[in-house]
Amino acid sequence: MTASDMLSTLRAELDAIDDEILALIERRLAASAAIAEAKGSAGDSLLKLRPRRQAEVVARLQSRAGRAPAVAIAAIWRELMAHTLQGQARTEIVLCAAERSELLEARVRLHFGAAFPLAWAEDRAEVLRRARDEEAIAVLVEPLAAGEAAPLTVFDVVRGTDGEAVAYAIGRVAPEDALTGPDGGAPEWTPASWRSHPAQQMPVYPDASALASVEEQLAATPPLVGFAQIGALRSALAEVARGRAFLLQGGDCAESFAEFSAEKVRRDERLLLGMGNIIADGGLGVVHVARAAGQFAKPRSQRWESEAGLTLPSYRGDAVNGRAFTSFSRTPEPERLLEAHRQSQATLALLAAFRLAERSQPPVYASHEALLLHYEQALTRRDPETGRHWAGSGHMVWVGERTRSLDGAHVAYASGIANPIGLKCGPSLAPETLLRLIERLDPANEPGRLVLIGRFGADRVGESLAPLMRAARRAGSNAIWAIDPMHGNGTNVAGVKTRRLSDILVETAAFFDIAAAEGVHAGGIHLEMSGSDVTECLGGRCGIGEADLSRRYLSHCDPRLNPAQALEIATKVAALIGKSAERRADAA
């Protein structure tokens, strides 16, 4: 076949694909028309627009995409759903003539799609009247004031290229779609509030009824941790926020079902306590928080993996799918959440038993990334005495670098629980965005509530951390600053993912130096480590070299420090704390 013939064949294939796409669009429009008819017969007085449903559709498709970029999926389906909506009922976007500008019109077009007709009303009152009485969406540069134009609510925000709000979409939408309540204020938070926000890094379960059954079972269980224990951790972290203590947080990259044992829990706990004893020699009390009893899932930079021509979803942790490279194993199973819950319960029981046996030892609290929100919601409990909600899945949870979108589901969930919250802060985080996240997650500025966990890499911490620390300090934030010197220092040696202890130590030392320069307490360290003698990270006095990586490389996700390497870091941290104390004494 000549090159010309091949091109003709490929173009014919594209034409056939285009025909199939068109046929599917026609089917979708027909199904939408049937939905519109059903809505009409039900007497629904709300707009046909369903923002939450649209966000869920886009997030689901983005999570399933292989080659298609997430931004392309959002743009394509935005236009498709906008035209579908117009097929159900002609819906206008009404703007205020007094606020007219080419920039605003362009941003509205980009945000809502080209299918919506734009109209201009003389003043704000007329814009709101039309949104109340007609099939119309009001878009105004100022949100609703308290009690203004009920039952209209703000349901969406139009943003500029810098992420700042330029206008607010207002209309007659269902309560679960609203960003504000009927009085113009924020709607009451519930454990399910995250479902109206776009969710990243969440598995797509093929069996929705099985997921619902698992959620129901989890919701019927007692919380894994008690409110009083969480409160005790918050009090301990408040001491860290005041500069009187240091947070030591560490443990497995991702817990495993197969490798669980009481001996493993004991080894990891002893390593954490041993490190704490060394760090305490620097002159500060130590708060011990394990990455355990819930750390069964990991966000992944790649949604898909390929082997021998076969492409399957990435392994996301035992709570989501299996490690075996088969379609069956890599399919997310909600029943795995039940096993994660059972093992977390056993781990917490073991930690409690160790404390009873050794009453002289400090408590070890449990933490994990609040990634799987179906699980977190099901285990969230309300304290009847205070009315506050607590994540019953662990003492502390954190929001990751890939899920900390200000308008995202994970931030929405974390904003409503009373547990201590960690927030991973990487090089892409701008100071102004950090301040907005702090306001969202810690509006009362409570010491012990929020831990900002930097993760930059040895080569970027110098340029990235100082502006963030400076912004938080100038804003008067009581948030704790900690460093995660693991995640920014990954490297690859002969196809093996690893980390160099020298890079980890460099970033740790830089963290203390920058904190001192910015007048901030260097409040903690966050490590991935194992109580077992693994050979996953390079360097240290134990002499792990490249040839040793294959000897005991046991991690199924990211490389962990072994006990000798972890204790070496603890010794360095103790010295850095002592140096910081000397600096303060000299300054006084």
Protein backbone atom coordinates (compact mmCIF):
# COMPACT_ATOMS: atom_id res chain seq x y z
CA MET A 1 0.00 0.00 0.00
CA THR A 2 1.37 3.40 -0.97
CA ALA A 3 1.57 6.31 1.44
CA SER A 4 -1.23 8.01 -0.48
CA ASP A 5 -3.44 4.92 -0.20
CA MET A 6 -2.72 4.70 3.52
CA LEU A 7 -3.69 8.33 4.02
CA SER A 8 -6.92 7.78 2.11
CA THR A 9 -7.74 4.77 4.27
CA LEU A 10 -7.04 6.67 7.48
CA ARG A 11 -9.11 9.64 6.35
CA ALA A 12 -11.98 7.32 5.49
CA GLU A 13 -11.70 5.86 8.97
CA LEU A 14 -11.89 9.36 10.47
CA ASP A 15 -14.97 10.10 8.36
CA ALA A 16 -16.61 6.93 9.64
CA ILE A 17 -15.75 7.88 13.22
CA ASP A 18 -17.21 11.35 12.67
CA ASP A 19 -20.43 9.75 11.39
CA GLU A 20 -20.59 7.59 14.54
CA ILE A 21 -20.01 10.64 16.76
CA LEU A 22 -22.79 12.54 14.98
CA ALA A 23 -25.17 9.62 15.41
CA LEU A 24 -24.37 9.50 19.13
CA ILE A 25 -24.96 13.25 19.47
CA GLU A 26 -28.34 12.83 17.78
CA ARG A 27 -29.16 10.04 20.24
CA ARG A 28 -28.10 12.22 23.15
CA LEU A 29 -30.29 15.10 21.98
CA ALA A 30 -33.24 12.75 21.63
CA ALA A 31 -32.70 11.37 25.14
CA SER A 32 -32.42 14.91 26.44
CA ALA A 33 -35.71 15.86 24.80
CA ALA A 34 -37.35 12.93 26.57
CA ILE A 35 -35.89 14.13 29.87
CA ALA A 36 -37.24 17.62 29.22
CA GLU A 37 -40.70 16.20 28.62
CA ALA A 38 -40.51 14.24 31.87
CA LYS A 39 -39.40 17.35 33.77
CA GLY A 40 -42.23 19.36 32.29
CA SER A 41 -44.84 16.81 33.30
CA ALA A 42 -43.45 16.86 36.84
CA GLY A 43 -44.10 20.60 37.11
CA ASP A 44 -40.48 21.51 37.89
CA SER A 45 -40.22 25.29 38.29
CA LEU A 46 -36.43 25.28 38.42
CA LEU A 47 -34.09 25.94 35.54
CA LYS A 48 -33.46 22.95 33.31
CA LEU A 49 -29.77 23.52 34.02
CA ARG A 50 -28.30 21.07 36.57
CA PRO A 51 -24.77 22.29 37.44
CA ARG A 52 -23.97 19.47 39.83
CA ARG A 53 -25.01 16.82 37.34
CA GLN A 54 -22.93 18.45 34.60
CA ALA A 55 -19.86 18.64 36.85
CA GLU A 56 -20.23 14.96 37.75
CA VAL A 57 -20.49 13.99 34.07
CA VAL A 58 -17.33 15.90 33.13
CA ALA A 59 -15.37 14.60 36.14
CA ARG A 60 -16.38 11.01 35.37
CA LEU A 61 -15.32 11.30 31.74
CA GLN A 62 -12.04 13.00 32.64
CA SER A 63 -11.22 10.18 35.04
CA ARG A 64 -11.82 7.60 32.30
CA ALA A 65 -9.92 9.39 29.53
CA GLY A 66 -6.71 8.01 28.11
CA ARG A 67 -5.29 10.30 25.44
CA ALA A 68 -7.92 13.02 25.61
CA PRO A 69 -6.74 15.99 27.73
CA ALA A 70 -8.99 16.94 30.64
CA VAL A 71 -9.34 20.51 29.34
CA ALA A 72 -10.54 19.21 25.95
CA ILE A 73 -13.13 16.97 27.59
CA ALA A 74 -14.44 19.88 29.66
CA ALA A 75 -14.70 22.14 26.59
CA ILE A 76 -16.35 19.54 24.34
CA TRP A 77 -18.92 18.44 26.87
CA ARG A 78 -19.61 22.01 27.97
CA GLU A 79 -20.69 22.82 24.43
CA LEU A 80 -22.57 19.56 24.03
CA MET A 81 -24.50 20.01 27.28
CA ALA A 82 -25.19 23.66 26.52
CA HIS A 83 -26.79 22.78 23.17
CA THR A 84 -28.66 19.93 24.85
CA LEU A 85 -30.05 22.37 27.42
CA GLN A 86 -31.24 24.72 24.69
CA GLY A 87 -33.06 21.77 23.15
CA GLN A 88 -34.92 21.29 26.43
CA ALA A 89 -35.77 24.95 26.93
CA ARG A 90 -34.35 28.12 25.41
CA THR A 91 -32.31 29.58 28.27
CA GLU A 92 -30.81 33.07 28.13
CA ILE A 93 -27.89 34.54 30.02
CA VAL A 94 -28.82 38.05 31.16
CA LEU A 95 -26.13 40.60 32.02
CA CYS A 96 -26.36 44.14 33.38
CA ALA A 97 -25.81 46.91 30.82
CA ALA A 98 -24.08 49.04 33.47
CA GLU A 99 -21.43 46.29 33.86
CA ARG A 100 -20.95 45.72 30.12
CA SER A 101 -17.42 45.00 28.95
CA GLU A 102 -15.84 42.93 26.20
CA LEU A 103 -13.79 41.03 28.78
CA LEU A 104 -16.86 40.03 30.79
CA GLU A 105 -18.75 38.93 27.70
CA ALA A 106 -15.78 36.87 26.51
CA ARG A 107 -15.35 35.16 29.88
CA VAL A 108 -19.08 34.35 30.06
CA ARG A 109 -18.98 32.87 26.54
CA LEU A 110 -15.95 30.77 27.43
CA HIS A 111 -17.48 29.59 30.68
CA PHE A 112 -20.98 28.66 29.51
CA GLY A 113 -20.43 27.87 25.82
CA ALA A 114 -21.67 29.38 22.60
CA ALA A 115 -25.19 27.91 22.73
CA PHE A 116 -26.55 30.39 25.28
CA PRO A 117 -28.09 33.59 23.87
CA LEU A 118 -26.81 36.69 25.68
CA ALA A 119 -29.19 39.48 26.67
CA TRP A 120 -28.64 42.79 28.44
CA ALA A 121 -30.95 44.35 31.02
CA GLU A 122 -30.92 47.97 32.09
CA ASP A 123 -30.01 47.46 35.75
CA ARG A 124 -29.32 44.84 38.40
CA ALA A 125 -32.92 44.67 39.55
CA GLU A 126 -34.15 43.88 36.03
CA VAL A 127 -31.46 41.21 35.58
CA LEU A 128 -32.61 39.49 38.77
CA ARG A 129 -36.30 39.85 37.86
CA ARG A 130 -35.76 38.06 34.58
CA ALA A 131 -33.79 35.29 36.30
CA ARG A 132 -36.65 34.89 38.77
CA ASP A 133 -39.54 34.98 36.31
CA GLU A 134 -38.10 33.66 33.04
CA GLU A 135 -35.94 30.79 31.76
CA ALA A 136 -32.83 32.86 32.31
CA ILE A 137 -29.55 32.92 34.18
CA ALA A 138 -28.40 36.20 35.74
CA VAL A 139 -24.67 36.95 35.57
CA LEU A 140 -23.53 39.83 37.77
CA VAL A 141 -20.13 41.07 38.92
CA GLU A 142 -21.28 41.14 42.55
CA PRO A 143 -22.90 38.15 44.32
CA LEU A 144 -26.29 38.30 45.99
CA ALA A 145 -26.57 40.22 49.21
CA ALA A 146 -28.22 38.51 52.18
CA GLY A 147 -31.95 38.15 51.49
CA GLU A 148 -31.73 39.64 47.99
CA ALA A 149 -33.95 38.21 45.22
CA ALA A 150 -35.09 34.99 46.92
CA PRO A 151 -35.45 32.21 45.83
CA LEU A 152 -32.50 32.91 43.52
CA THR A 153 -29.08 31.62 44.57
CA VAL A 154 -25.52 31.82 43.30
CA PHE A 155 -24.69 28.50 41.65
CA ASP A 156 -21.50 29.16 39.69
CA VAL A 157 -18.51 31.50 39.49
CA VAL A 158 -17.02 32.88 36.26
CA ARG A 159 -13.28 33.27 36.71
CA GLY A 160 -10.53 35.11 34.86
CA THR A 161 -7.28 33.61 33.66
CA ASP A 162 -5.74 34.28 37.09
CA GLY A 163 -8.48 32.29 38.83
CA GLU A 164 -10.08 35.35 40.40
CA ALA A 165 -13.88 35.69 40.30
CA VAL A 166 -15.09 38.13 37.63
CA ALA A 167 -18.84 37.38 37.83
CA TYR A 168 -21.43 35.21 39.57
CA ALA A 169 -24.12 33.05 37.95
CA ILE A 170 -27.48 33.33 39.70
CA GLY A 171 -30.67 31.40 39.09
CA ARG A 172 -33.45 29.09 40.25
CA VAL A 173 -31.50 25.92 40.95
CA ALA A 174 -31.93 23.00 43.33
CA PRO A 175 -30.45 23.47 46.84
CA GLU A 176 -27.71 20.92 46.18
CA ASP A 177 -26.57 23.00 43.18
CA ALA A 178 -26.33 26.27 45.12
CA LEU A 179 -23.06 27.87 46.19
CA THR A 180 -25.04 30.14 48.53
CA GLY A 181 -28.19 29.67 50.54
CA PRO A 182 -31.49 31.51 49.99
CA ASP A 183 -30.30 34.33 52.28
CA GLY A 184 -27.21 34.89 50.11
CA GLY A 185 -24.89 33.21 52.62
CA ALA A 186 -23.16 29.88 52.36
CA PRO A 187 -25.41 26.82 52.41
CA GLU A 188 -25.20 24.58 55.45
CA TRP A 189 -22.33 22.12 55.07
CA THR A 190 -23.16 18.42 55.11
CA PRO A 191 -20.89 15.39 54.69
CA ALA A 192 -22.31 15.09 51.16
CA SER A 193 -21.56 18.70 50.14
CA TRP A 194 -18.46 17.57 48.21
CA ARG A 195 -20.68 15.85 45.64
CA SER A 196 -21.62 19.19 44.07
CA HIS A 197 -17.95 19.97 43.32
CA PRO A 198 -15.61 18.56 40.67
CA ALA A 199 -13.66 15.62 42.10
CA GLN A 200 -10.17 14.74 40.90
CA GLN A 201 -8.28 11.46 41.41
CA MET A 202 -11.46 9.60 42.38
CA PRO A 203 -12.04 6.05 41.08
CA VAL A 204 -14.96 5.41 38.75
CA TYR A 205 -16.89 2.41 40.08
CA PRO A 206 -18.68 0.49 37.33
CA ASP A 207 -21.32 -0.82 39.75
CA ALA A 208 -23.07 2.16 41.36
CA SER A 209 -25.44 -0.05 43.37
CA ALA A 210 -22.51 -1.96 44.90
CA LEU A 211 -20.89 1.34 45.88
CA ALA A 212 -24.13 2.55 47.48
CA SER A 213 -24.38 -0.71 49.45
CA VAL A 214 -20.82 -0.34 50.75
CA GLU A 215 -21.45 3.28 51.74
CA GLU A 216 -24.55 2.21 53.63
CA GLN A 217 -22.63 -0.51 55.48
CA LEU A 218 -19.84 1.88 56.45
CA ALA A 219 -22.31 4.52 57.60
CA ALA A 220 -23.81 1.99 60.03
CA THR A 221 -20.47 1.38 61.81
CA PRO A 222 -19.10 3.27 64.82
CA PRO A 223 -16.41 5.87 64.02
CA LEU A 224 -12.88 4.46 63.98
CA VAL A 225 -11.66 7.25 66.26
CA GLY A 226 -13.41 9.19 68.99
CA PHE A 227 -14.15 12.90 69.13
CA ALA A 228 -12.12 13.26 72.34
CA GLN A 229 -9.04 11.70 70.72
CA ILE A 230 -9.28 14.06 67.76
CA GLY A 231 -9.67 16.97 70.16
CA ALA A 232 -6.56 15.84 72.04
CA LEU A 233 -4.57 15.89 68.79
CA ARG A 234 -5.85 19.37 67.99
CA SER A 235 -4.71 20.55 71.42
CA ALA A 236 -1.28 18.99 70.88
CA LEU A 237 -0.99 20.60 67.45
CA ALA A 238 -1.98 23.95 68.94
CA GLU A 239 1.25 23.70 70.94
CA VAL A 240 3.10 23.14 67.66
CA ALA A 241 1.40 26.22 66.20
CA ARG A 242 2.63 28.25 69.21
CA GLY A 243 6.21 27.12 68.59
CA ARG A 244 6.41 24.85 71.64
CA ALA A 245 6.36 21.44 69.91
CA PHE A 246 7.19 19.63 66.67
CA LEU A 247 5.00 17.41 64.45
CA LEU A 248 6.53 14.09 63.37
CA GLN A 249 4.29 12.49 60.75
CA GLY A 250 5.37 9.35 58.93
CA GLY A 251 4.65 5.85 57.76
CA ASP A 252 3.82 3.81 54.70
CA CYS A 253 3.42 5.32 51.27
CA ALA A 254 0.36 3.09 50.90
CA GLU A 255 -0.80 0.39 53.29
CA SER A 256 -1.25 -3.14 51.97
CA PHE A 257 -3.89 -5.76 52.71
CA ALA A 258 -1.52 -8.69 52.13
CA GLU A 259 1.38 -7.38 54.22
CA PHE A 260 -0.62 -6.43 57.32
CA SER A 261 0.41 -7.96 60.63
CA ALA A 262 0.68 -6.96 64.27
CA GLU A 263 4.46 -7.23 63.96
CA LYS A 264 4.51 -4.74 61.09
CA VAL A 265 2.34 -2.24 62.98
CA ARG A 266 4.65 -2.62 65.99
CA ARG A 267 7.82 -2.08 63.93
CA ASP A 268 6.43 1.06 62.30
CA GLU A 269 5.20 2.44 65.62
CA ARG A 270 8.55 1.80 67.33
CA LEU A 271 10.39 3.58 64.52
CA LEU A 272 8.11 6.62 64.85
CA LEU A 273 8.60 6.73 68.63
CA GLY A 274 12.35 6.21 68.31
CA MET A 275 12.60 9.12 65.90
CA GLY A 276 10.51 11.22 68.27
CA ASN A 277 12.90 10.50 71.14
CA ILE A 278 15.84 11.71 69.04
CA ILE A 279 14.02 14.84 67.85
CA ALA A 280 12.95 15.70 71.41
CA ASP A 281 16.65 16.09 72.26
CA GLY A 282 16.53 19.25 70.15
CA GLY A 283 14.47 20.88 72.89
CA LEU A 284 10.84 20.59 71.68
CA GLY A 285 8.04 18.23 72.57
CA VAL A 286 7.05 15.88 69.76
CA VAL A 287 3.57 15.08 68.46
CA HIS A 288 3.59 11.62 66.82
CA VAL A 289 1.20 11.08 63.88
CA ALA A 290 1.42 7.89 61.82
CA ARG A 291 0.56 7.54 58.15
CA ALA A 292 -1.55 4.51 59.03
CA ALA A 293 -5.03 3.08 59.56
CA GLY A 294 -6.46 4.53 56.35
CA GLN A 295 -3.58 5.23 53.92
CA PHE A 296 -4.77 2.67 51.36
CA ALA A 297 -5.11 4.89 48.29
CA LYS A 298 -2.79 7.12 46.29
CA PRO A 299 -3.33 9.80 43.65
CA ARG A 300 -1.47 8.97 40.46
CA SER A 301 0.16 11.21 37.89
CA GLN A 302 -0.83 8.75 35.14
CA ARG A 303 -4.35 7.34 34.90
CA TRP A 304 -3.24 4.45 32.71
CA GLU A 305 -0.39 1.95 32.49
CA SER A 306 0.68 -0.05 29.45
CA GLU A 307 2.44 -3.39 29.23
CA ALA A 308 3.03 -5.48 26.11
CA GLY A 309 0.51 -3.49 24.12
CA LEU A 310 -2.20 -3.72 26.83
CA THR A 311 -3.41 -0.51 28.52
CA LEU A 312 -5.21 -0.69 31.87
CA PRO A 313 -6.07 1.72 34.71
CA SER A 314 -3.18 2.49 37.06
CA TYR A 315 -2.96 0.78 40.42
CA ARG A 316 -4.36 3.30 42.93
CA GLY A 317 -3.93 1.42 46.19
CA ASP A 318 -5.52 -1.62 47.77
CA ALA A 319 -8.67 0.29 48.74
CA VAL A 320 -9.36 0.92 45.03
CA ASN A 321 -8.03 -1.89 42.85
CA GLY A 322 -5.45 -4.67 42.67
CA ARG A 323 -1.81 -4.68 41.64
CA ALA A 324 -2.04 -7.58 39.16
CA PHE A 325 -1.94 -6.30 35.58
CA THR A 326 -5.28 -7.75 34.48
CA SER A 327 -8.53 -6.06 33.56
CA PHE A 328 -10.32 -7.77 36.45
CA SER A 329 -7.74 -6.72 39.05
CA ARG A 330 -7.47 -3.12 37.87
CA THR A 331 -11.23 -2.51 37.88
CA PRO A 332 -12.18 -0.45 40.98
CA GLU A 333 -14.15 -2.51 43.53
CA PRO A 334 -16.11 -0.70 46.25
CA GLU A 335 -15.97 -3.80 48.46
CA ARG A 336 -12.28 -3.01 48.99
CA LEU A 337 -13.38 -0.06 51.14
CA LEU A 338 -14.82 -2.54 53.65
CA GLU A 339 -11.51 -4.37 53.89
CA ALA A 340 -9.68 -1.05 54.31
CA HIS A 341 -12.07 -0.21 57.13
CA ARG A 342 -11.52 -3.59 58.84
CA GLN A 343 -7.73 -3.29 58.65
CA SER A 344 -7.82 0.32 59.87
CA GLN A 345 -9.89 -0.80 62.84
CA ALA A 346 -7.35 -3.54 63.62
CA THR A 347 -4.40 -1.13 63.30
CA LEU A 348 -5.98 1.37 65.67
CA ALA A 349 -6.75 -1.39 68.16
CA LEU A 350 -3.10 -2.48 68.08
CA LEU A 351 -1.85 1.08 68.61
CA ALA A 352 -4.20 1.43 71.58
CA ALA A 353 -3.00 -1.88 73.02
CA PHE A 354 0.65 -0.82 72.70
CA ARG A 355 -0.14 2.35 74.66
CA LEU A 356 -1.79 0.35 77.46
CA ALA A 357 1.24 -1.93 77.65
CA GLU A 358 3.68 1.00 77.72
CA ARG A 359 1.94 3.84 79.51
CA SER A 360 5.13 5.91 79.63
CA GLN A 361 5.11 6.31 75.85
CA PRO A 362 3.31 9.26 74.19
CA PRO A 363 0.19 8.65 72.09
CA VAL A 364 0.50 7.83 68.39
CA TYR A 365 -2.30 9.33 66.31
CA ALA A 366 -3.40 8.08 62.89
CA SER A 367 -3.64 10.04 59.64
CA HIS A 368 -4.20 9.51 55.93
CA GLU A 369 -4.98 11.41 52.76
CA ALA A 370 -8.73 12.00 52.50
CA LEU A 371 -8.78 10.89 48.88
CA LEU A 372 -11.72 8.47 48.69
CA LEU A 373 -14.61 10.74 49.58
CA HIS A 374 -17.30 8.06 49.44
CA TYR A 375 -15.42 6.37 52.31
CA GLU A 376 -14.84 9.64 54.20
CA GLN A 377 -18.47 10.73 53.93
CA ALA A 378 -19.74 7.37 55.16
CA LEU A 379 -17.53 7.60 58.27
CA THR A 380 -18.24 11.26 59.08
CA ARG A 381 -20.15 11.74 62.33
CA ARG A 382 -21.87 14.71 63.98
CA ASP A 383 -21.21 15.50 67.63
CA PRO A 384 -24.69 16.09 69.12
CA GLU A 385 -23.26 18.24 71.91
CA THR A 386 -21.38 20.73 69.75
CA GLY A 387 -23.03 20.23 66.36
CA ARG A 388 -19.61 19.85 64.73
CA HIS A 389 -18.84 17.16 62.18
CA TRP A 390 -15.78 14.96 62.56
CA ALA A 391 -14.12 12.58 60.12
CA GLY A 392 -14.39 9.30 61.98
CA SER A 393 -11.88 7.65 59.64
CA GLY A 394 -8.78 8.99 61.41
CA HIS A 395 -7.48 11.61 63.82
CA MET A 396 -6.02 13.78 61.05
CA VAL A 397 -6.55 13.83 57.29
CA TRP A 398 -4.85 15.80 54.56
CA VAL A 399 -5.66 17.17 51.12
CA GLY A 400 -3.07 16.31 48.48
CA GLU A 401 -1.17 18.36 45.93
CA ARG A 402 -3.34 17.01 43.09
CA THR A 403 -6.69 17.51 44.85
CA ARG A 404 -6.33 20.92 46.53
CA SER A 405 -8.37 22.84 43.94
CA LEU A 406 -10.14 25.67 45.74
CA ASP A 407 -13.48 24.73 44.17
CA GLY A 408 -12.80 20.99 44.27
CA ALA A 409 -14.58 18.23 46.13
CA HIS A 410 -11.70 17.42 48.50
CA VAL A 411 -11.34 20.98 49.78
CA ALA A 412 -15.13 21.21 50.08
CA TYR A 413 -15.19 18.08 52.26
CA ALA A 414 -12.23 19.10 54.43
CA SER A 415 -13.71 22.56 55.02
CA GLY A 416 -16.62 21.12 57.00
CA ILE A 417 -14.95 18.67 59.37
CA ALA A 418 -13.40 19.67 62.70
CA ASN A 419 -10.35 17.36 62.52
CA PRO A 420 -6.86 18.74 62.05
CA ILE A 421 -6.35 19.15 58.31
CA GLY A 422 -3.12 18.91 56.35
CA LEU A 423 -2.70 20.71 53.02
CA LYS A 424 0.09 19.69 50.64
CA CYS A 425 1.74 22.78 49.11
CA GLY A 426 3.90 22.35 46.00
CA PRO A 427 5.74 24.60 43.55
CA SER A 428 2.61 25.32 41.50
CA LEU A 429 0.79 26.93 44.46
CA ALA A 430 0.63 30.72 44.23
CA PRO A 431 0.67 32.76 47.47
CA GLU A 432 -2.73 34.31 46.75
CA THR A 433 -4.25 30.86 46.17
CA LEU A 434 -2.72 29.62 49.41
CA LEU A 435 -4.38 32.46 51.31
CA ARG A 436 -7.75 31.59 49.80
CA LEU A 437 -7.26 27.95 50.78
CA ILE A 438 -6.32 28.95 54.31
CA GLU A 439 -9.47 31.07 54.54
CA ARG A 440 -11.56 28.18 53.24
CA LEU A 441 -10.08 25.50 55.50
CA ASP A 442 -9.39 27.55 58.63
CA PRO A 443 -11.72 30.58 58.62
CA ALA A 444 -11.55 30.94 62.41
CA ASN A 445 -7.71 30.83 62.36
CA GLU A 446 -7.61 28.24 65.14
CA PRO A 447 -4.16 27.03 66.30
CA GLY A 448 -3.91 23.28 65.68
CA ARG A 449 -6.49 23.23 62.88
CA LEU A 450 -4.35 23.51 59.73
CA VAL A 451 -0.95 22.07 58.80
CA LEU A 452 0.67 23.38 55.60
CA ILE A 453 2.94 20.61 54.29
CA GLY A 454 5.48 21.85 51.77
CA ARG A 455 6.69 19.41 49.09
CA PHE A 456 8.97 21.07 46.59
CA GLY A 457 12.19 19.14 45.95
CA ALA A 458 15.71 20.07 46.94
CA ASP A 459 16.18 22.10 43.75
CA ARG A 460 12.99 24.17 44.08
CA VAL A 461 12.37 24.66 47.79
CA GLY A 462 14.49 27.83 47.89
CA GLU A 463 12.45 29.70 45.30
CA SER A 464 9.03 28.28 46.15
CA LEU A 465 8.68 28.11 49.93
CA ALA A 466 9.64 31.62 51.07
CA PRO A 467 6.84 33.50 49.22
CA LEU A 468 4.23 31.10 50.64
CA MET A 469 5.53 31.38 54.21
CA ARG A 470 5.73 35.16 53.89
CA ALA A 471 2.16 35.46 52.62
CA ALA A 472 0.75 33.26 55.39
CA ARG A 473 2.72 35.11 58.08
CA ARG A 474 1.64 38.55 56.85
CA ALA A 475 -1.98 37.36 56.81
CA GLY A 476 -1.64 36.40 60.48
CA SER A 477 -2.34 32.71 59.88
CA ASN A 478 -1.84 30.34 62.82
CA ALA A 479 -1.32 27.40 60.45
CA ILE A 480 1.62 25.08 61.15
CA TRP A 481 4.37 24.78 58.55
CA ALA A 482 5.82 21.30 57.98
CA ILE A 483 8.00 19.85 55.24
CA ASP A 484 7.51 16.72 53.15
CA PRO A 485 11.01 16.25 51.68
CA MET A 486 10.03 13.00 49.95
CA HIS A 487 7.59 13.73 47.14
CA GLY A 488 9.56 16.43 45.35
CA ASN A 489 12.76 14.35 45.29
CA GLY A 490 11.82 11.34 43.23
CA THR A 491 14.30 10.03 40.66
CA ASN A 492 14.67 7.01 38.42
CA VAL A 493 17.65 4.68 38.40
CA ALA A 494 17.71 1.98 35.73
CA GLY A 495 13.92 2.03 35.57
CA VAL A 496 13.46 1.88 39.36
CA LYS A 497 11.72 4.70 41.21
CA THR A 498 13.82 5.87 44.14
CA ARG A 499 14.89 8.86 46.26
CA ARG A 500 18.29 10.02 47.44
CA LEU A 501 18.72 10.63 51.16
CA SER A 502 21.08 13.51 50.36
CA ASP A 503 18.26 15.36 48.54
CA ILE A 504 15.87 14.70 51.41
CA LEU A 505 18.34 16.14 53.90
CA VAL A 506 19.03 19.18 51.71
CA GLU A 507 15.34 20.06 51.46
CA THR A 508 14.85 19.51 55.20
CA ALA A 509 17.73 21.84 56.07
CA ALA A 510 16.48 24.45 53.58
CA PHE A 511 13.05 24.32 55.22
CA PHE A 512 14.54 25.26 58.60
CA ASP A 513 16.72 28.00 57.10
CA ILE A 514 13.82 29.57 55.17
CA ALA A 515 11.50 29.37 58.18
CA ALA A 516 14.11 31.17 60.30
CA ALA A 517 14.57 33.87 57.66
CA GLU A 518 10.80 34.41 57.41
CA GLY A 519 10.22 34.44 61.16
CA VAL A 520 8.14 31.24 61.04
CA HIS A 521 8.28 28.21 63.34
CA ALA A 522 9.57 25.15 61.46
CA GLY A 523 6.83 22.97 62.87
CA GLY A 524 7.07 19.49 61.44
CA ILE A 525 8.27 16.86 59.00
CA HIS A 526 6.24 14.39 56.93
CA LEU A 527 8.02 11.21 55.76
CA GLU A 528 7.32 7.98 53.92
CA MET A 529 9.18 5.27 55.82
CA SER A 530 9.03 1.67 56.94
CA GLY A 531 9.98 -0.11 60.14
CA SER A 532 11.28 -2.94 57.95
CA ASP A 533 14.79 -3.08 56.52
CA VAL A 534 13.82 -2.07 52.98
CA THR A 535 16.24 -0.92 50.27
CA GLU A 536 14.14 1.62 48.37
CA CYS A 537 15.95 4.94 48.95
CA LEU A 538 19.61 5.55 48.16
CA GLY A 539 22.33 6.73 50.51
CA GLY A 540 22.80 7.22 54.20
CA ARG A 541 25.25 5.70 56.65
CA CYS A 542 23.73 2.29 55.91
CA GLY A 543 25.32 2.59 52.46
CA ILE A 544 22.37 1.71 50.22
CA GLY A 545 23.65 1.92 46.64
CA GLU A 546 22.05 1.42 43.25
CA ALA A 547 22.95 -2.27 43.24
CA ASP A 548 21.06 -2.73 46.53
CA LEU A 549 17.68 -1.45 45.27
CA SER A 550 16.54 -4.87 44.07
CA ARG A 551 17.51 -6.59 47.32
CA ARG A 552 14.48 -5.57 49.40
CA TYR A 553 12.42 -3.18 47.31
CA LEU A 554 8.95 -3.97 48.68
CA SER A 555 6.91 -0.82 48.04
CA HIS A 556 4.15 -1.01 45.43
CA CYS A 557 3.93 2.78 45.12
CA ASP A 558 6.68 5.16 46.22
CA PRO A 559 10.08 4.37 47.82
CA ARG A 560 10.32 4.55 51.61
CA LEU A 561 13.13 5.20 54.05
CA ASN A 562 14.39 2.26 56.07
CA PRO A 563 14.90 2.57 59.87
CA ALA A 564 18.58 3.56 59.61
CA GLN A 565 17.82 6.30 57.07
CA ALA A 566 14.80 7.56 59.02
CA LEU A 567 16.80 7.77 62.25
CA GLU A 568 19.54 9.65 60.40
CA ILE A 569 16.93 12.24 59.36
CA ALA A 570 15.67 12.45 62.95
CA THR A 571 19.19 13.20 64.14
CA LYS A 572 19.51 15.95 61.54
CA VAL A 573 16.14 17.43 62.54
CA ALA A 574 17.13 17.48 66.22
CA ALA A 575 20.28 19.40 65.29
CA LEU A 576 18.30 21.85 63.17
CA ILE A 577 15.82 22.46 65.99
CA GLY A 578 18.70 23.12 68.34
CA LYS A 579 20.23 25.53 65.82
CA SER A 580 16.90 27.36 65.52
CA ALA A 581 16.75 27.73 69.31
CA GLU A 582 20.26 29.21 69.29
CA ARG A 583 19.24 31.72 66.62
CA ARG A 584 16.27 32.82 68.69
CA ALA A 585 18.43 33.16 71.78
CA ASP A 586 21.00 35.25 69.89
CA ALA A 587 18.24 37.47 68.48
CA ALA A 588 16.83 38.03 71.97
